[in-house]
Each structure stands twice: as structure tokens, then as C-alpha cells.
Amino acid sequence: MKEEASATNDPRMPSAAKPYVSPTISPQDLPVDYAGFLAVIFGVFGVIFHYKLCSWLAIIFCAQSLSNMRNFEAEFKQISMAFMFGLMGLITIYFGPARQVKSNR
């Protein structure tokens, strides 16, 4: 009996309810992907200066950026480029020719 009273006294109008539609955001208005940016920077430093740590950090930041990707088309190019730099740095460090060490004699 109590349910009948609450159903008749309900002030909400089911006909006025509208489903939620998320607002569309242009790719230029998305927040900056700092992990992707750091992945590119560390990847380039790893290749140029032959730093293992920078190349490994580039791979780690690529994975983080890939897991938080919002816009697939725009961010995938940046992530793939950073991954290639990180991988290229690791391959040249571990499998490339040995670096020459200068001696001051």
C-alpha cells in the first residue's frame, strides 16, 4: 500500500528524462600527454648519447602512454615513434659496436 502512495506522489517525470550524452572534445582541446612527450625525449637522448637508462625510461613511458591513450590516431603516431627511438637505442647499446674510450696519456 505504501508503494502505491509513493508512485502517485513521485514528482519526477519519466517522459522528461534524457539519456546522458558526453560532450565532444576536439583533439586540440585534450590535455597534454606528458608520458608520451617524456617517452620521445628520453628515446632521443638514449639514441644520441647512448644512455641505457634513457632508453629504458622511454619504453616505460611508452607503455604508460599507451595505457592512458585517449585519441588513438593522433597519439599512436607519437607513441610508436617514441617506442622506435627507445628500441633503437637499446639495440645499438647492447648489440652495436663497442664505444671507444679516450685516454689522456
C-alpha atoms as a PDB file:
ATOM      1  CA  MET A   1       0.000   0.000   0.000  1.00  0.00           C
ATOM      2  CA  LYS A   2       2.889   2.323   0.739  1.00  0.00           C
ATOM      3  CA  GLU A   3       4.351   1.739  -2.767  1.00  0.00           C
ATOM      4  CA  GLU A   4       1.131   2.916  -4.402  1.00  0.00           C
ATOM      5  CA  ALA A   5       1.256   6.178  -2.460  1.00  0.00           C
ATOM      6  CA  SER A   6       4.874   6.871  -3.363  1.00  0.00           C
ATOM      7  CA  ALA A   7       4.261   6.066  -7.039  1.00  0.00           C
ATOM      8  CA  THR A   8       1.436   8.584  -7.300  1.00  0.00           C
ATOM      9  CA  ASN A   9       3.340  11.276  -5.356  1.00  0.00           C
ATOM     10  CA  ASP A  10       6.565  10.929  -7.388  1.00  0.00           C
ATOM     11  CA  PRO A  11       7.410  14.442  -8.699  1.00  0.00           C
ATOM     12  CA  ARG A  12       9.764  13.180 -11.410  1.00  0.00           C
ATOM     13  CA  MET A  13       8.537  12.987 -14.958  1.00  0.00           C
ATOM     14  CA  PRO A  14       9.821   9.900 -16.799  1.00  0.00           C
ATOM     15  CA  SER A  15       8.987  11.498 -20.148  1.00  0.00           C
ATOM     16  CA  ALA A  16      11.376  14.402 -19.437  1.00  0.00           C
ATOM     17  CA  ALA A  17      14.348  12.124 -18.685  1.00  0.00           C
ATOM     18  CA  LYS A  18      17.012  12.163 -21.365  1.00  0.00           C
ATOM     19  CA  PRO A  19      19.997   9.818 -21.669  1.00  0.00           C
ATOM     20  CA  TYR A  20      23.398  11.317 -20.907  1.00  0.00           C
ATOM     21  CA  VAL A  21      25.467  12.214 -23.942  1.00  0.00           C
ATOM     22  CA  SER A  22      29.101  13.062 -23.270  1.00  0.00           C
ATOM     23  CA  PRO A  23      30.276  16.310 -24.826  1.00  0.00           C
ATOM     24  CA  THR A  24      32.506  16.010 -27.867  1.00  0.00           C
ATOM     25  CA  ILE A  25      36.002  17.392 -27.403  1.00  0.00           C
ATOM     26  CA  SER A  26      38.249  18.201 -30.328  1.00  0.00           C
ATOM     27  CA  PRO A  27      41.734  16.619 -30.333  1.00  0.00           C
ATOM     28  CA  GLN A  28      43.308  20.064 -29.874  1.00  0.00           C
ATOM     29  CA  ASP A  29      41.449  20.565 -26.583  1.00  0.00           C
ATOM     30  CA  LEU A  30      42.589  17.281 -24.989  1.00  0.00           C
ATOM     31  CA  PRO A  31      45.076  17.551 -22.118  1.00  0.00           C
ATOM     32  CA  VAL A  32      48.748  17.099 -22.921  1.00  0.00           C
ATOM     33  CA  ASP A  33      50.090  13.546 -22.793  1.00  0.00           C
ATOM     34  CA  TYR A  34      53.164  14.121 -20.648  1.00  0.00           C
ATOM     35  CA  ALA A  35      54.129  10.449 -20.628  1.00  0.00           C
ATOM     36  CA  GLY A  36      54.243  10.391 -24.436  1.00  0.00           C
ATOM     37  CA  PHE A  37      56.269  13.591 -24.534  1.00  0.00           C
ATOM     38  CA  LEU A  38      58.763  12.241 -21.984  1.00  0.00           C
ATOM     39  CA  ALA A  39      58.980   8.980 -23.930  1.00  0.00           C
ATOM     40  CA  VAL A  40      60.046  10.863 -27.055  1.00  0.00           C
ATOM     41  CA  ILE A  41      62.583  12.988 -25.159  1.00  0.00           C
ATOM     42  CA  PHE A  42      64.130  10.005 -23.356  1.00  0.00           C
ATOM     43  CA  GLY A  43      64.145   7.964 -26.574  1.00  0.00           C
ATOM     44  CA  VAL A  44      66.033  10.648 -28.474  1.00  0.00           C
ATOM     45  CA  PHE A  45      68.532  11.130 -25.628  1.00  0.00           C
ATOM     46  CA  GLY A  46      69.038   7.372 -25.413  1.00  0.00           C
ATOM     47  CA  VAL A  47      69.871   7.135 -29.124  1.00  0.00           C
ATOM     48  CA  ILE A  48      72.068  10.210 -29.302  1.00  0.00           C
ATOM     49  CA  PHE A  49      74.022   9.839 -26.057  1.00  0.00           C
ATOM     50  CA  HIS A  50      73.874   6.010 -25.744  1.00  0.00           C
ATOM     51  CA  TYR A  51      72.308   6.098 -22.281  1.00  0.00           C
ATOM     52  CA  LYS A  52      70.705   2.812 -21.269  1.00  0.00           C
ATOM     53  CA  LEU A  53      68.600   4.468 -18.596  1.00  0.00           C
ATOM     54  CA  CYS A  54      67.063   6.935 -21.045  1.00  0.00           C
ATOM     55  CA  SER A  55      66.169   4.168 -23.497  1.00  0.00           C
ATOM     56  CA  TRP A  56      64.576   2.063 -20.769  1.00  0.00           C
ATOM     57  CA  LEU A  57      62.649   5.079 -19.460  1.00  0.00           C
ATOM     58  CA  ALA A  58      61.401   5.739 -22.999  1.00  0.00           C
ATOM     59  CA  ILE A  59      60.000   2.193 -23.183  1.00  0.00           C
ATOM     60  CA  ILE A  60      58.360   2.557 -19.755  1.00  0.00           C
ATOM     61  CA  PHE A  61      56.773   5.916 -20.611  1.00  0.00           C
ATOM     62  CA  CYS A  62      55.561   4.444 -23.917  1.00  0.00           C
ATOM     63  CA  ALA A  63      53.744   1.711 -22.023  1.00  0.00           C
ATOM     64  CA  GLN A  64      52.205   4.277 -19.665  1.00  0.00           C
ATOM     65  CA  SER A  65      51.129   6.495 -22.533  1.00  0.00           C
ATOM     66  CA  LEU A  66      49.699   3.511 -24.400  1.00  0.00           C
ATOM     67  CA  SER A  67      47.622   2.508 -21.387  1.00  0.00           C
ATOM     68  CA  ASN A  68      46.226   6.051 -20.974  1.00  0.00           C
ATOM     69  CA  MET A  69      45.614   6.714 -24.675  1.00  0.00           C
ATOM     70  CA  ARG A  70      42.517   8.813 -25.415  1.00  0.00           C
ATOM     71  CA  ASN A  71      42.813   9.694 -29.103  1.00  0.00           C
ATOM     72  CA  PHE A  72      44.045   6.611 -30.950  1.00  0.00           C
ATOM     73  CA  GLU A  73      45.028   8.173 -34.291  1.00  0.00           C
ATOM     74  CA  ALA A  74      46.978  11.186 -33.036  1.00  0.00           C
ATOM     75  CA  GLU A  75      48.678   9.617 -30.034  1.00  0.00           C
ATOM     76  CA  PHE A  76      49.587   6.285 -31.639  1.00  0.00           C
ATOM     77  CA  LYS A  77      51.990   8.005 -34.029  1.00  0.00           C
ATOM     78  CA  GLN A  78      53.780   9.692 -31.149  1.00  0.00           C
ATOM     79  CA  ILE A  79      53.885   6.520 -29.054  1.00  0.00           C
ATOM     80  CA  SER A  80      55.162   4.390 -31.937  1.00  0.00           C
ATOM     81  CA  MET A  81      57.884   6.939 -32.727  1.00  0.00           C
ATOM     82  CA  ALA A  82      58.992   7.062 -29.085  1.00  0.00           C
ATOM     83  CA  PHE A  83      58.968   3.263 -28.882  1.00  0.00           C
ATOM     84  CA  MET A  84      61.110   3.018 -32.004  1.00  0.00           C
ATOM     85  CA  PHE A  85      63.617   5.506 -30.579  1.00  0.00           C
ATOM     86  CA  GLY A  86      63.771   3.606 -27.289  1.00  0.00           C
ATOM     87  CA  LEU A  87      64.127   0.252 -29.026  1.00  0.00           C
ATOM     88  CA  MET A  88      66.716   1.601 -31.442  1.00  0.00           C
ATOM     89  CA  GLY A  89      68.706   2.993 -28.526  1.00  0.00           C
ATOM     90  CA  LEU A  90      68.630  -0.326 -26.678  1.00  0.00           C
ATOM     91  CA  ILE A  91      69.643  -2.302 -29.757  1.00  0.00           C
ATOM     92  CA  THR A  92      72.577  -0.010 -30.524  1.00  0.00           C
ATOM     93  CA  ILE A  93      73.700  -0.018 -26.886  1.00  0.00           C
ATOM     94  CA  TYR A  94      73.512  -3.778 -26.318  1.00  0.00           C
ATOM     95  CA  PHE A  95      74.300  -5.138 -29.807  1.00  0.00           C
ATOM     96  CA  GLY A  96      76.145  -2.288 -31.512  1.00  0.00           C
ATOM     97  CA  PRO A  97      79.881  -1.791 -31.793  1.00  0.00           C
ATOM     98  CA  ALA A  98      81.812  -1.033 -28.616  1.00  0.00           C
ATOM     99  CA  ARG A  99      82.355   2.638 -27.882  1.00  0.00           C
ATOM    100  CA  GLN A 100      85.891   3.919 -27.941  1.00  0.00           C
ATOM    101  CA  VAL A 101      87.133   5.291 -24.654  1.00  0.00           C
ATOM    102  CA  LYS A 102      89.531   8.231 -24.825  1.00  0.00           C
ATOM    103  CA  SER A 103      92.546   8.036 -22.601  1.00  0.00           C
ATOM    104  CA  ASN A 104      94.607  11.042 -21.553  1.00  0.00           C
ATOM    105  CA  ARG A 105      98.094   9.542 -21.803  1.00  0.00           C
END
